[in-house]
Amino acid sequence: MADKKPKIQPKDQDIEREYVIPLRKKFKKAVRYKKTPKAVKSIKEFLAKHMKIYDRDLNKIKLDKYLNEFMWARGIKNPPHKIKVKAIKDINGIVKVNLVDFPDKLKFKKLRAEKVEAAALKTVEKKKTLMEKARQEDKPLASSSESQAKEGETKPEEKPKTPEEQKKEEERKTTEKEKAKAGAEAAQKIAEVQAKQMKKQKQPSMKQPKRQQRKALAK
């Protein structure tokens, strides 16, 4: 007998295929209030068979959110009769399923989501660039502070002052303190006088007009 040919191993590449999956026959057998779940399950079973998932594990098939939304758009009782999908199988055996023919509503929704994601990525990139610039600016500042410290170390020490100069500085400081105290006391006295004057000035009392005396009616 001739030896059996060895099985061809799959290439280390993602397998990409498009299918038009009929759904009416499958969900027609299901109860009316379980037709859409049955249609979703039939999509997974069809792809598990045709994408060669040998253990038939339905958890390895991941449906896109837009595909799921399209399936549930008309409720649980009225799913679409057929659907066109794009399946991509990776090296680990996981199949990602995307919708091919988008309706207008889902198309605009997807474009909006893509714009939001692009804006978010731009903001993240801007923040990264600003952080890098700030780090680069901090380095020369640190080097300048170090140079200033070195210069301070090399500066010559100040000469000691004579006793006469020390006395003059002490007298100047005492006169400044006395002037400040006198100014504060004068300001306090002025404030007290103004407060007394304000108390003396009473606000004019609003007198109510006198009522006219009632006179006896002429008979």
C-alpha atoms as a PDB file:
ATOM      1  CA  MET A   1       0.000   0.000   0.000  1.00  0.00           C
ATOM      2  CA  ALA A   2       1.080   3.498  -0.723  1.00  0.00           C
ATOM      3  CA  ASP A   3       1.848   5.706   2.223  1.00  0.00           C
ATOM      4  CA  LYS A   4      -0.761   8.281   3.144  1.00  0.00           C
ATOM      5  CA  LYS A   5       0.063  11.842   2.224  1.00  0.00           C
ATOM      6  CA  PRO A   6       0.756  14.062   5.204  1.00  0.00           C
ATOM      7  CA  LYS A   7      -1.847  16.706   5.982  1.00  0.00           C
ATOM      8  CA  ILE A   8      -1.004  20.195   4.841  1.00  0.00           C
ATOM      9  CA  GLN A   9      -0.463  22.414   7.872  1.00  0.00           C
ATOM     10  CA  PRO A  10      -2.100  25.846   7.807  1.00  0.00           C
ATOM     11  CA  LYS A  11       0.155  28.762   7.039  1.00  0.00           C
ATOM     12  CA  ASP A  12       1.144  31.206   9.761  1.00  0.00           C
ATOM     13  CA  GLN A  13      -1.181  33.856   8.339  1.00  0.00           C
ATOM     14  CA  ASP A  14      -4.649  35.181   9.007  1.00  0.00           C
ATOM     15  CA  ILE A  15      -7.358  33.549   6.877  1.00  0.00           C
ATOM     16  CA  GLU A  16      -9.856  36.067   5.510  1.00  0.00           C
ATOM     17  CA  ARG A  17     -13.138  35.111   3.796  1.00  0.00           C
ATOM     18  CA  GLU A  18     -16.545  36.571   2.958  1.00  0.00           C
ATOM     19  CA  TYR A  19     -19.834  34.658   3.263  1.00  0.00           C
ATOM     20  CA  VAL A  20     -23.507  35.294   2.599  1.00  0.00           C
ATOM     21  CA  ILE A  21     -25.164  33.311   5.407  1.00  0.00           C
ATOM     22  CA  PRO A  22     -28.831  32.209   4.992  1.00  0.00           C
ATOM     23  CA  LEU A  23     -30.739  32.455   8.274  1.00  0.00           C
ATOM     24  CA  ARG A  24     -34.442  31.939   7.472  1.00  0.00           C
ATOM     25  CA  LYS A  25     -34.446  28.132   7.594  1.00  0.00           C
ATOM     26  CA  LYS A  26     -32.706  28.068  10.944  1.00  0.00           C
ATOM     27  CA  PHE A  27     -34.766  30.606  12.893  1.00  0.00           C
ATOM     28  CA  LYS A  28     -38.039  29.486  11.240  1.00  0.00           C
ATOM     29  CA  LYS A  29     -38.028  26.415  13.488  1.00  0.00           C
ATOM     30  CA  ALA A  30     -37.508  28.470  16.652  1.00  0.00           C
ATOM     31  CA  VAL A  31     -40.220  29.966  18.856  1.00  0.00           C
ATOM     32  CA  ARG A  32     -41.373  33.435  17.828  1.00  0.00           C
ATOM     33  CA  TYR A  33     -39.825  35.201  20.855  1.00  0.00           C
ATOM     34  CA  LYS A  34     -36.431  33.432  20.349  1.00  0.00           C
ATOM     35  CA  LYS A  35     -35.832  33.957  16.636  1.00  0.00           C
ATOM     36  CA  THR A  36     -33.006  36.531  16.838  1.00  0.00           C
ATOM     37  CA  PRO A  37     -30.912  34.534  19.373  1.00  0.00           C
ATOM     38  CA  LYS A  38     -31.344  31.472  17.151  1.00  0.00           C
ATOM     39  CA  ALA A  39     -30.183  33.491  14.098  1.00  0.00           C
ATOM     40  CA  VAL A  40     -27.071  34.707  15.975  1.00  0.00           C
ATOM     41  CA  LYS A  41     -26.280  31.133  17.029  1.00  0.00           C
ATOM     42  CA  SER A  42     -26.727  29.894  13.455  1.00  0.00           C
ATOM     43  CA  ILE A  43     -24.148  32.483  12.248  1.00  0.00           C
ATOM     44  CA  LYS A  44     -21.625  31.076  14.715  1.00  0.00           C
ATOM     45  CA  GLU A  45     -22.389  27.469  13.757  1.00  0.00           C
ATOM     46  CA  PHE A  46     -22.028  28.266  10.026  1.00  0.00           C
ATOM     47  CA  LEU A  47     -18.638  29.962  10.562  1.00  0.00           C
ATOM     48  CA  ALA A  48     -17.396  27.220  12.893  1.00  0.00           C
ATOM     49  CA  LYS A  49     -18.052  24.734  10.084  1.00  0.00           C
ATOM     50  CA  HIS A  50     -16.683  26.733   7.137  1.00  0.00           C
ATOM     51  CA  MET A  51     -13.679  28.324   8.931  1.00  0.00           C
ATOM     52  CA  LYS A  52     -12.553  24.829  10.059  1.00  0.00           C
ATOM     53  CA  ILE A  53     -12.849  25.091  13.819  1.00  0.00           C
ATOM     54  CA  TYR A  54     -12.590  21.374  14.465  1.00  0.00           C
ATOM     55  CA  ASP A  55     -13.765  21.337  18.070  1.00  0.00           C
ATOM     56  CA  ARG A  56     -16.836  23.456  17.069  1.00  0.00           C
ATOM     57  CA  ASP A  57     -16.258  25.819  19.989  1.00  0.00           C
ATOM     58  CA  LEU A  58     -18.626  28.767  19.428  1.00  0.00           C
ATOM     59  CA  ASN A  59     -16.760  30.883  21.995  1.00  0.00           C
ATOM     60  CA  LYS A  60     -13.911  31.219  19.486  1.00  0.00           C
ATOM     61  CA  ILE A  61     -16.166  33.198  17.130  1.00  0.00           C
ATOM     62  CA  LYS A  62     -16.361  36.906  18.086  1.00  0.00           C
ATOM     63  CA  LEU A  63     -19.099  38.992  16.470  1.00  0.00           C
ATOM     64  CA  ASP A  64     -18.565  42.708  15.901  1.00  0.00           C
ATOM     65  CA  LYS A  65     -20.788  45.109  17.886  1.00  0.00           C
ATOM     66  CA  TYR A  66     -22.191  46.614  14.670  1.00  0.00           C
ATOM     67  CA  LEU A  67     -23.080  43.142  13.393  1.00  0.00           C
ATOM     68  CA  ASN A  68     -24.836  42.362  16.661  1.00  0.00           C
ATOM     69  CA  GLU A  69     -26.694  45.688  16.518  1.00  0.00           C
ATOM     70  CA  PHE A  70     -27.793  44.960  12.942  1.00  0.00           C
ATOM     71  CA  MET A  71     -29.151  41.568  14.007  1.00  0.00           C
ATOM     72  CA  TRP A  72     -31.167  43.066  16.888  1.00  0.00           C
ATOM     73  CA  ALA A  73     -32.310  46.207  15.002  1.00  0.00           C
ATOM     74  CA  ARG A  74     -35.818  44.820  14.294  1.00  0.00           C
ATOM     75  CA  GLY A  75     -36.272  43.165  17.666  1.00  0.00           C
ATOM     76  CA  ILE A  76     -36.246  39.618  18.966  1.00  0.00           C
ATOM     77  CA  LYS A  77     -39.069  38.377  16.671  1.00  0.00           C
ATOM     78  CA  ASN A  78     -37.939  39.627  13.247  1.00  0.00           C
ATOM     79  CA  PRO A  79     -34.213  39.079  12.423  1.00  0.00           C
ATOM     80  CA  PRO A  80     -32.829  39.510   8.873  1.00  0.00           C
ATOM     81  CA  HIS A  81     -33.295  36.553   6.487  1.00  0.00           C
ATOM     82  CA  LYS A  82     -29.682  36.586   5.272  1.00  0.00           C
ATOM     83  CA  ILE A  83     -26.501  38.474   6.055  1.00  0.00           C
ATOM     84  CA  LYS A  84     -23.157  39.155   4.384  1.00  0.00           C
ATOM     85  CA  VAL A  85     -20.150  38.966   6.710  1.00  0.00           C
ATOM     86  CA  LYS A  86     -16.369  39.061   6.604  1.00  0.00           C
ATOM     87  CA  ALA A  87     -14.575  36.472   8.781  1.00  0.00           C
ATOM     88  CA  ILE A  88     -10.888  36.694   9.764  1.00  0.00           C
ATOM     89  CA  LYS A  89      -9.248  33.725  11.480  1.00  0.00           C
ATOM     90  CA  ASP A  90      -5.975  34.394  13.304  1.00  0.00           C
ATOM     91  CA  ILE A  91      -3.148  31.992  14.208  1.00  0.00           C
ATOM     92  CA  ASN A  92      -4.704  31.129  17.587  1.00  0.00           C
ATOM     93  CA  GLY A  93      -7.920  29.923  15.908  1.00  0.00           C
ATOM     94  CA  ILE A  94     -10.125  32.859  16.961  1.00  0.00           C
ATOM     95  CA  VAL A  95     -12.496  34.134  14.259  1.00  0.00           C
ATOM     96  CA  LYS A  96     -13.488  37.807  14.206  1.00  0.00           C
ATOM     97  CA  VAL A  97     -16.678  38.500  12.248  1.00  0.00           C
ATOM     98  CA  ASN A  98     -17.542  41.920  10.772  1.00  0.00           C
ATOM     99  CA  LEU A  99     -20.546  43.186   8.847  1.00  0.00           C
ATOM    100  CA  VAL A 100     -19.965  43.954   5.135  1.00  0.00           C
ATOM    101  CA  ASP A 101     -23.056  45.820   3.902  1.00  0.00           C
ATOM    102  CA  PHE A 102     -23.704  48.541   6.482  1.00  0.00           C
ATOM    103  CA  PRO A 103     -27.072  50.332   6.519  1.00  0.00           C
ATOM    104  CA  ASP A 104     -26.936  54.149   6.561  1.00  0.00           C
ATOM    105  CA  LYS A 105     -27.668  54.439  10.282  1.00  0.00           C
ATOM    106  CA  LEU A 106     -24.847  52.096  11.318  1.00  0.00           C
ATOM    107  CA  LYS A 107     -22.495  53.597   8.725  1.00  0.00           C
ATOM    108  CA  PHE A 108     -22.834  57.102  10.203  1.00  0.00           C
ATOM    109  CA  LYS A 109     -22.549  55.709  13.712  1.00  0.00           C
ATOM    110  CA  LYS A 110     -19.295  53.933  12.838  1.00  0.00           C
ATOM    111  CA  LEU A 111     -17.841  57.073  11.211  1.00  0.00           C
ATOM    112  CA  ARG A 112     -18.729  59.101  14.286  1.00  0.00           C
ATOM    113  CA  ALA A 113     -17.059  56.576  16.583  1.00  0.00           C
ATOM    114  CA  GLU A 114     -13.922  56.559  14.405  1.00  0.00           C
ATOM    115  CA  LYS A 115     -13.739  60.376  14.564  1.00  0.00           C
ATOM    116  CA  VAL A 116     -14.006  60.311  18.351  1.00  0.00           C
ATOM    117  CA  GLU A 117     -11.231  57.709  18.589  1.00  0.00           C
ATOM    118  CA  ALA A 118      -8.983  59.738  16.260  1.00  0.00           C
ATOM    119  CA  ALA A 119      -9.535  62.897  18.333  1.00  0.00           C
ATOM    120  CA  ALA A 120      -8.720  60.984  21.525  1.00  0.00           C
ATOM    121  CA  LEU A 121      -5.478  59.660  20.006  1.00  0.00           C
ATOM    122  CA  LYS A 122      -4.485  63.188  18.940  1.00  0.00           C
ATOM    123  CA  THR A 123      -5.011  64.548  22.464  1.00  0.00           C
ATOM    124  CA  VAL A 124      -2.905  61.715  23.912  1.00  0.00           C
ATOM    125  CA  GLU A 125      -0.086  62.442  21.441  1.00  0.00           C
ATOM    126  CA  LYS A 126      -0.209  66.173  22.265  1.00  0.00           C
ATOM    127  CA  LYS A 127       0.055  65.434  25.972  1.00  0.00           C
ATOM    128  CA  LYS A 128       3.055  63.177  25.357  1.00  0.00           C
ATOM    129  CA  THR A 129       4.840  65.861  23.315  1.00  0.00           C
ATOM    130  CA  LEU A 130       4.147  68.493  25.984  1.00  0.00           C
ATOM    131  CA  MET A 131       5.504  66.191  28.698  1.00  0.00           C
ATOM    132  CA  GLU A 132       8.659  65.547  26.689  1.00  0.00           C
ATOM    133  CA  LYS A 133       9.186  69.286  26.112  1.00  0.00           C
ATOM    134  CA  ALA A 134       8.720  69.982  29.813  1.00  0.00           C
ATOM    135  CA  ARG A 135      11.297  67.334  30.702  1.00  0.00           C
ATOM    136  CA  GLN A 136      13.775  68.775  28.209  1.00  0.00           C
ATOM    137  CA  GLU A 137      13.241  72.284  29.622  1.00  0.00           C
ATOM    138  CA  ASP A 138      13.767  71.096  33.215  1.00  0.00           C
ATOM    139  CA  LYS A 139      17.270  69.772  32.459  1.00  0.00           C
ATOM    140  CA  PRO A 140      18.892  73.128  31.528  1.00  0.00           C
ATOM    141  CA  LEU A 141      17.183  74.784  34.501  1.00  0.00           C
ATOM    142  CA  ALA A 142      18.763  72.250  36.829  1.00  0.00           C
ATOM    143  CA  SER A 143      22.184  72.784  35.262  1.00  0.00           C
ATOM    144  CA  SER A 144      21.862  76.583  35.674  1.00  0.00           C
ATOM    145  CA  SER A 145      20.967  76.189  39.362  1.00  0.00           C
ATOM    146  CA  GLU A 146      24.025  73.982  39.854  1.00  0.00           C
ATOM    147  CA  SER A 147      26.237  76.589  38.173  1.00  0.00           C
ATOM    148  CA  GLN A 148      24.776  79.297  40.413  1.00  0.00           C
ATOM    149  CA  ALA A 149      25.531  77.191  43.488  1.00  0.00           C
ATOM    150  CA  LYS A 150      29.106  76.723  42.315  1.00  0.00           C
ATOM    151  CA  GLU A 151      29.485  80.468  41.772  1.00  0.00           C
ATOM    152  CA  GLY A 152      28.142  81.107  45.284  1.00  0.00           C
ATOM    153  CA  GLU A 153      30.782  78.776  46.678  1.00  0.00           C
ATOM    154  CA  THR A 154      33.586  80.600  44.858  1.00  0.00           C
ATOM    155  CA  LYS A 155      32.452  84.127  45.906  1.00  0.00           C
ATOM    156  CA  PRO A 156      34.727  85.799  48.464  1.00  0.00           C
ATOM    157  CA  GLU A 157      33.426  86.269  51.992  1.00  0.00           C
ATOM    158  CA  GLU A 158      32.202  89.698  53.068  1.00  0.00           C
ATOM    159  CA  LYS A 159      34.460  91.792  55.314  1.00  0.00           C
ATOM    160  CA  PRO A 160      33.491  92.095  59.013  1.00  0.00           C
ATOM    161  CA  LYS A 161      31.894  95.415  59.961  1.00  0.00           C
ATOM    162  CA  THR A 162      33.395  97.855  62.437  1.00  0.00           C
ATOM    163  CA  PRO A 163      31.649  98.552  65.797  1.00  0.00           C
ATOM    164  CA  GLU A 164      30.683 102.080  64.667  1.00  0.00           C
ATOM    165  CA  GLU A 165      28.929 100.712  61.561  1.00  0.00           C
ATOM    166  CA  GLN A 166      27.105  98.134  63.679  1.00  0.00           C
ATOM    167  CA  LYS A 167      25.858 100.860  66.064  1.00  0.00           C
ATOM    168  CA  LYS A 168      24.596 102.964  63.141  1.00  0.00           C
ATOM    169  CA  GLU A 169      22.684  99.986  61.706  1.00  0.00           C
ATOM    170  CA  GLU A 170      21.091  99.237  65.082  1.00  0.00           C
ATOM    171  CA  GLU A 171      20.007 102.881  65.496  1.00  0.00           C
ATOM    172  CA  ARG A 172      18.536 102.893  61.998  1.00  0.00           C
ATOM    173  CA  LYS A 173      16.564  99.714  62.684  1.00  0.00           C
ATOM    174  CA  THR A 174      15.206 101.091  66.001  1.00  0.00           C
ATOM    175  CA  THR A 175      14.088 104.364  64.370  1.00  0.00           C
ATOM    176  CA  GLU A 176      12.318 102.425  61.625  1.00  0.00           C
ATOM    177  CA  LYS A 177      10.502 100.294  64.207  1.00  0.00           C
ATOM    178  CA  GLU A 178       9.422 103.378  66.179  1.00  0.00           C
ATOM    179  CA  LYS A 179       8.113 105.074  63.035  1.00  0.00           C
ATOM    180  CA  ALA A 180       6.118 101.987  62.127  1.00  0.00           C
ATOM    181  CA  LYS A 181       4.606 101.794  65.641  1.00  0.00           C
ATOM    182  CA  ALA A 182       3.702 105.521  65.608  1.00  0.00           C
ATOM    183  CA  GLY A 183       2.043 105.170  62.198  1.00  0.00           C
ATOM    184  CA  ALA A 184      -0.002 102.168  63.369  1.00  0.00           C
ATOM    185  CA  GLU A 185      -1.129 103.974  66.532  1.00  0.00           C
ATOM    186  CA  ALA A 186      -2.140 107.083  64.552  1.00  0.00           C
ATOM    187  CA  ALA A 187      -4.158 104.996  62.100  1.00  0.00           C
ATOM    188  CA  GLN A 188      -5.905 103.221  64.984  1.00  0.00           C
ATOM    189  CA  LYS A 189      -6.807 106.557  66.664  1.00  0.00           C
ATOM    190  CA  ILE A 190      -8.206 107.953  63.399  1.00  0.00           C
ATOM    191  CA  ALA A 191     -10.337 104.828  62.971  1.00  0.00           C
ATOM    192  CA  GLU A 192     -11.709 105.160  66.535  1.00  0.00           C
ATOM    193  CA  VAL A 193     -12.614 108.817  65.987  1.00  0.00           C
ATOM    194  CA  GLN A 194     -14.400 108.001  62.745  1.00  0.00           C
ATOM    195  CA  ALA A 195     -16.353 105.217  64.450  1.00  0.00           C
ATOM    196  CA  LYS A 196     -17.496 107.597  67.206  1.00  0.00           C
ATOM    197  CA  GLN A 197     -18.601 110.175  64.649  1.00  0.00           C
ATOM    198  CA  MET A 198     -20.585 107.560  62.779  1.00  0.00           C
ATOM    199  CA  LYS A 199     -22.380 106.542  65.993  1.00  0.00           C
ATOM    200  CA  LYS A 200     -23.293 110.143  66.786  1.00  0.00           C
ATOM    201  CA  GLN A 201     -24.780 110.720  63.369  1.00  0.00           C
ATOM    202  CA  LYS A 202     -28.201 109.159  63.744  1.00  0.00           C
ATOM    203  CA  GLN A 203     -30.235 108.364  60.747  1.00  0.00           C
ATOM    204  CA  PRO A 204     -33.318 110.571  60.367  1.00  0.00           C
ATOM    205  CA  SER A 205     -36.404 108.747  61.552  1.00  0.00           C
ATOM    206  CA  MET A 206     -39.139 108.398  58.973  1.00  0.00           C
ATOM    207  CA  LYS A 207     -42.237 109.849  60.612  1.00  0.00           C
ATOM    208  CA  GLN A 208     -45.520 108.531  59.445  1.00  0.00           C
ATOM    209  CA  PRO A 209     -48.051 111.146  58.246  1.00  0.00           C
ATOM    210  CA  LYS A 210     -50.736 112.019  60.757  1.00  0.00           C
ATOM    211  CA  ARG A 211     -54.163 110.730  60.045  1.00  0.00           C
ATOM    212  CA  GLN A 212     -56.888 113.273  59.496  1.00  0.00           C
ATOM    213  CA  GLN A 213     -59.409 113.466  62.271  1.00  0.00           C
ATOM    214  CA  ARG A 214     -62.784 112.068  61.379  1.00  0.00           C
ATOM    215  CA  LYS A 215     -65.509 114.636  61.334  1.00  0.00           C
ATOM    216  CA  ALA A 216     -69.164 114.117  61.955  1.00  0.00           C
ATOM    217  CA  LEU A 217     -71.216 113.942  58.844  1.00  0.00           C
ATOM    218  CA  ALA A 218     -73.486 116.929  58.230  1.00  0.00           C
ATOM    219  CA  LYS A 219     -77.111 116.081  58.870  1.00  0.00           C
END
